[in-house]
Amino acid sequence: MNQEQREEQKKMGIGRFIRSFGYSIDGLRYAYKYEQSMFVHVLAMMVVILAGIFFKLNLFEWLICVLVIGLVIATELINTSIEAVVDLSCPKIHPLAKIAKDTASAAVFVFAITAIFCGGIIFLPKIITLITTL
């Protein structure tokens, strides 16, 4: 694609803006359908939401949960896109391609572990209180 074609493709307008939402939804659908980790993240999100409703989280606790869930899912989407670009540009196994894919996956792992710790800080005291009052 040359500069002129790129400029034509990037012209601003309401139609392009509205279509961009469709592309985003397509990306979410793809990740949910083909990425096993995305299914796990969505399942964890549903558990957190149900637990949050059950334990009547306060506004700050909800804020933390929503932020952490969003970061994990966004990082998984970035990981998926990096893997696709690496596979496109380097169809054969290459040490640098492996590094790119592994470190992108590690970023998701770090956010997921962070989410688990945040969830523990928020939910463990509530679970302990529930158990001790039974």
C-alpha atoms as a PDB file:
ATOM      1  CA  MET A   1       0.000   0.000   0.000  1.00  0.00           C
ATOM      2  CA  ASN A   2       1.440   3.372  -0.966  1.00  0.00           C
ATOM      3  CA  GLN A   3       1.010   6.658   0.907  1.00  0.00           C
ATOM      4  CA  GLU A   4      -1.868   7.828  -1.295  1.00  0.00           C
ATOM      5  CA  GLN A   5      -3.841   4.604  -0.778  1.00  0.00           C
ATOM      6  CA  ARG A   6      -3.198   4.794   2.961  1.00  0.00           C
ATOM      7  CA  GLU A   7      -4.438   8.388   3.136  1.00  0.00           C
ATOM      8  CA  GLU A   8      -7.596   7.427   1.218  1.00  0.00           C
ATOM      9  CA  GLN A   9      -8.208   4.507   3.582  1.00  0.00           C
ATOM     10  CA  LYS A  10      -7.704   6.712   6.656  1.00  0.00           C
ATOM     11  CA  LYS A  11     -10.079   9.529   5.649  1.00  0.00           C
ATOM     12  CA  MET A  12     -12.191  10.537   8.629  1.00  0.00           C
ATOM     13  CA  GLY A  13     -15.934  10.359   8.618  1.00  0.00           C
ATOM     14  CA  ILE A  14     -18.903   9.104  10.543  1.00  0.00           C
ATOM     15  CA  GLY A  15     -19.156   5.960   8.404  1.00  0.00           C
ATOM     16  CA  ARG A  16     -15.556   4.990   9.111  1.00  0.00           C
ATOM     17  CA  PHE A  17     -16.075   5.723  12.792  1.00  0.00           C
ATOM     18  CA  ILE A  18     -19.171   3.491  12.977  1.00  0.00           C
ATOM     19  CA  ARG A  19     -17.467   0.696  10.989  1.00  0.00           C
ATOM     20  CA  SER A  20     -14.580   0.745  13.473  1.00  0.00           C
ATOM     21  CA  PHE A  21     -16.946  -0.517  16.186  1.00  0.00           C
ATOM     22  CA  GLY A  22     -17.821  -3.468  13.970  1.00  0.00           C
ATOM     23  CA  TYR A  23     -14.139  -4.273  13.503  1.00  0.00           C
ATOM     24  CA  SER A  24     -13.666  -4.202  17.267  1.00  0.00           C
ATOM     25  CA  ILE A  25     -16.605  -6.559  17.776  1.00  0.00           C
ATOM     26  CA  ASP A  26     -15.141  -8.847  15.090  1.00  0.00           C
ATOM     27  CA  GLY A  27     -11.875  -8.937  17.038  1.00  0.00           C
ATOM     28  CA  LEU A  28     -13.668  -9.822  20.267  1.00  0.00           C
ATOM     29  CA  ARG A  29     -15.636 -12.562  18.516  1.00  0.00           C
ATOM     30  CA  TYR A  30     -12.496 -14.003  16.967  1.00  0.00           C
ATOM     31  CA  ALA A  31     -10.616 -14.074  20.269  1.00  0.00           C
ATOM     32  CA  TYR A  32     -13.535 -15.632  22.115  1.00  0.00           C
ATOM     33  CA  LYS A  33     -14.051 -18.263  19.404  1.00  0.00           C
ATOM     34  CA  TYR A  34     -10.424 -19.250  18.795  1.00  0.00           C
ATOM     35  CA  GLU A  35      -8.430 -18.339  21.903  1.00  0.00           C
ATOM     36  CA  GLN A  36      -8.891 -20.787  24.763  1.00  0.00           C
ATOM     37  CA  SER A  37      -7.471 -18.267  27.238  1.00  0.00           C
ATOM     38  CA  MET A  38     -10.128 -15.724  26.288  1.00  0.00           C
ATOM     39  CA  PHE A  39     -12.827 -18.224  27.212  1.00  0.00           C
ATOM     40  CA  VAL A  40     -11.132 -18.713  30.603  1.00  0.00           C
ATOM     41  CA  HIS A  41     -10.902 -14.933  31.131  1.00  0.00           C
ATOM     42  CA  VAL A  42     -14.578 -14.435  30.261  1.00  0.00           C
ATOM     43  CA  LEU A  43     -15.547 -17.256  32.595  1.00  0.00           C
ATOM     44  CA  ALA A  44     -13.470 -15.689  35.384  1.00  0.00           C
ATOM     45  CA  MET A  45     -15.105 -12.326  34.649  1.00  0.00           C
ATOM     46  CA  MET A  46     -18.565 -13.847  35.072  1.00  0.00           C
ATOM     47  CA  VAL A  47     -17.550 -15.472  38.373  1.00  0.00           C
ATOM     48  CA  VAL A  48     -16.181 -12.149  39.648  1.00  0.00           C
ATOM     49  CA  ILE A  49     -19.336 -10.287  38.630  1.00  0.00           C
ATOM     50  CA  LEU A  50     -21.584 -12.855  40.312  1.00  0.00           C
ATOM     51  CA  ALA A  51     -19.389 -12.863  43.434  1.00  0.00           C
ATOM     52  CA  GLY A  52     -19.407  -9.063  43.445  1.00  0.00           C
ATOM     53  CA  ILE A  53     -23.189  -9.019  43.362  1.00  0.00           C
ATOM     54  CA  PHE A  54     -23.402 -11.698  46.058  1.00  0.00           C
ATOM     55  CA  PHE A  55     -20.953  -9.911  48.380  1.00  0.00           C
ATOM     56  CA  LYS A  56     -22.370  -6.453  47.567  1.00  0.00           C
ATOM     57  CA  LEU A  57     -19.073  -4.849  46.586  1.00  0.00           C
ATOM     58  CA  ASN A  58     -18.745  -1.153  47.221  1.00  0.00           C
ATOM     59  CA  LEU A  59     -18.023   1.328  44.431  1.00  0.00           C
ATOM     60  CA  PHE A  60     -14.238   1.260  44.913  1.00  0.00           C
ATOM     61  CA  GLU A  61     -14.158  -2.556  44.907  1.00  0.00           C
ATOM     62  CA  TRP A  62     -16.214  -2.637  41.705  1.00  0.00           C
ATOM     63  CA  LEU A  63     -13.861  -0.083  40.158  1.00  0.00           C
ATOM     64  CA  ILE A  64     -10.843  -2.258  40.908  1.00  0.00           C
ATOM     65  CA  CYS A  65     -12.567  -5.398  39.594  1.00  0.00           C
ATOM     66  CA  VAL A  66     -13.717  -3.738  36.369  1.00  0.00           C
ATOM     67  CA  LEU A  67     -10.302  -2.174  35.764  1.00  0.00           C
ATOM     68  CA  VAL A  68      -8.426  -5.423  36.347  1.00  0.00           C
ATOM     69  CA  ILE A  69     -10.861  -7.454  34.218  1.00  0.00           C
ATOM     70  CA  GLY A  70     -10.520  -4.932  31.399  1.00  0.00           C
ATOM     71  CA  LEU A  71      -6.729  -5.010  31.586  1.00  0.00           C
ATOM     72  CA  VAL A  72      -6.569  -8.808  31.481  1.00  0.00           C
ATOM     73  CA  ILE A  73      -8.934  -9.053  28.510  1.00  0.00           C
ATOM     74  CA  ALA A  74      -7.240  -6.181  26.661  1.00  0.00           C
ATOM     75  CA  THR A  75      -3.838  -7.756  27.207  1.00  0.00           C
ATOM     76  CA  GLU A  76      -5.136 -11.082  25.891  1.00  0.00           C
ATOM     77  CA  LEU A  77      -6.392  -9.296  22.765  1.00  0.00           C
ATOM     78  CA  ILE A  78      -3.002  -7.624  22.272  1.00  0.00           C
ATOM     79  CA  ASN A  79      -1.319 -11.007  22.757  1.00  0.00           C
ATOM     80  CA  THR A  80      -3.599 -12.535  20.120  1.00  0.00           C
ATOM     81  CA  SER A  81      -2.804  -9.758  17.655  1.00  0.00           C
ATOM     82  CA  ILE A  82       0.953 -10.077  18.250  1.00  0.00           C
ATOM     83  CA  GLU A  83       0.758 -13.829  17.685  1.00  0.00           C
ATOM     84  CA  ALA A  84      -1.160 -13.298  14.431  1.00  0.00           C
ATOM     85  CA  VAL A  85       1.354 -10.741  13.132  1.00  0.00           C
ATOM     86  CA  VAL A  86       4.288 -12.959  14.076  1.00  0.00           C
ATOM     87  CA  ASP A  87       2.662 -15.965  12.368  1.00  0.00           C
ATOM     88  CA  LEU A  88       2.008 -13.860   9.263  1.00  0.00           C
ATOM     89  CA  SER A  89       5.505 -12.423   9.062  1.00  0.00           C
ATOM     90  CA  CYS A  90       7.373 -15.556  10.124  1.00  0.00           C
ATOM     91  CA  PRO A  91       5.516 -18.749   9.195  1.00  0.00           C
ATOM     92  CA  LYS A  92       8.528 -20.904  10.127  1.00  0.00           C
ATOM     93  CA  ILE A  93       9.693 -21.281  13.704  1.00  0.00           C
ATOM     94  CA  HIS A  94      12.320 -18.645  14.488  1.00  0.00           C
ATOM     95  CA  PRO A  95      13.923 -17.876  17.867  1.00  0.00           C
ATOM     96  CA  LEU A  96      12.903 -14.198  17.704  1.00  0.00           C
ATOM     97  CA  ALA A  97       9.327 -15.119  16.777  1.00  0.00           C
ATOM     98  CA  LYS A  98       9.237 -17.398  19.809  1.00  0.00           C
ATOM     99  CA  ILE A  99      10.505 -14.577  22.032  1.00  0.00           C
ATOM    100  CA  ALA A 100       7.825 -12.191  20.706  1.00  0.00           C
ATOM    101  CA  LYS A 101       5.035 -14.706  21.247  1.00  0.00           C
ATOM    102  CA  ASP A 102       6.284 -15.882  24.635  1.00  0.00           C
ATOM    103  CA  THR A 103       6.760 -12.382  26.050  1.00  0.00           C
ATOM    104  CA  ALA A 104       3.321 -11.280  24.824  1.00  0.00           C
ATOM    105  CA  SER A 105       1.870 -14.328  26.540  1.00  0.00           C
ATOM    106  CA  ALA A 106       3.881 -13.512  29.664  1.00  0.00           C
ATOM    107  CA  ALA A 107       2.290 -10.052  29.753  1.00  0.00           C
ATOM    108  CA  VAL A 108      -1.143 -11.679  29.937  1.00  0.00           C
ATOM    109  CA  PHE A 109       0.139 -14.022  32.633  1.00  0.00           C
ATOM    110  CA  VAL A 110       1.444 -11.112  34.727  1.00  0.00           C
ATOM    111  CA  PHE A 111      -1.885  -9.275  34.477  1.00  0.00           C
ATOM    112  CA  ALA A 112      -3.813 -12.462  35.283  1.00  0.00           C
ATOM    113  CA  ILE A 113      -1.702 -13.076  38.408  1.00  0.00           C
ATOM    114  CA  THR A 114      -2.189  -9.431  39.383  1.00  0.00           C
ATOM    115  CA  ALA A 115      -5.940  -9.884  38.924  1.00  0.00           C
ATOM    116  CA  ILE A 116      -5.886 -12.944  41.176  1.00  0.00           C
ATOM    117  CA  PHE A 117      -4.090 -10.991  43.900  1.00  0.00           C
ATOM    118  CA  CYS A 118      -6.537  -8.081  43.589  1.00  0.00           C
ATOM    119  CA  GLY A 119      -9.435 -10.517  43.739  1.00  0.00           C
ATOM    120  CA  GLY A 120      -7.946 -12.125  46.807  1.00  0.00           C
ATOM    121  CA  ILE A 121      -7.570  -8.786  48.559  1.00  0.00           C
ATOM    122  CA  ILE A 122     -11.183  -7.904  47.794  1.00  0.00           C
ATOM    123  CA  PHE A 123     -12.929 -11.267  48.186  1.00  0.00           C
ATOM    124  CA  LEU A 124     -10.961 -13.288  50.766  1.00  0.00           C
ATOM    125  CA  PRO A 125     -12.011 -11.166  53.769  1.00  0.00           C
ATOM    126  CA  LYS A 126     -15.632 -11.410  52.605  1.00  0.00           C
ATOM    127  CA  ILE A 127     -15.386 -15.181  52.147  1.00  0.00           C
ATOM    128  CA  ILE A 128     -13.742 -15.610  55.566  1.00  0.00           C
ATOM    129  CA  THR A 129     -16.467 -13.520  57.185  1.00  0.00           C
ATOM    130  CA  LEU A 130     -19.141 -15.576  55.449  1.00  0.00           C
ATOM    131  CA  ILE A 131     -17.574 -18.858  56.578  1.00  0.00           C
ATOM    132  CA  THR A 132     -17.084 -17.752  60.180  1.00  0.00           C
ATOM    133  CA  THR A 133     -20.692 -16.576  60.484  1.00  0.00           C
ATOM    134  CA  LEU A 134     -22.136 -19.915  59.308  1.00  0.00           C
END
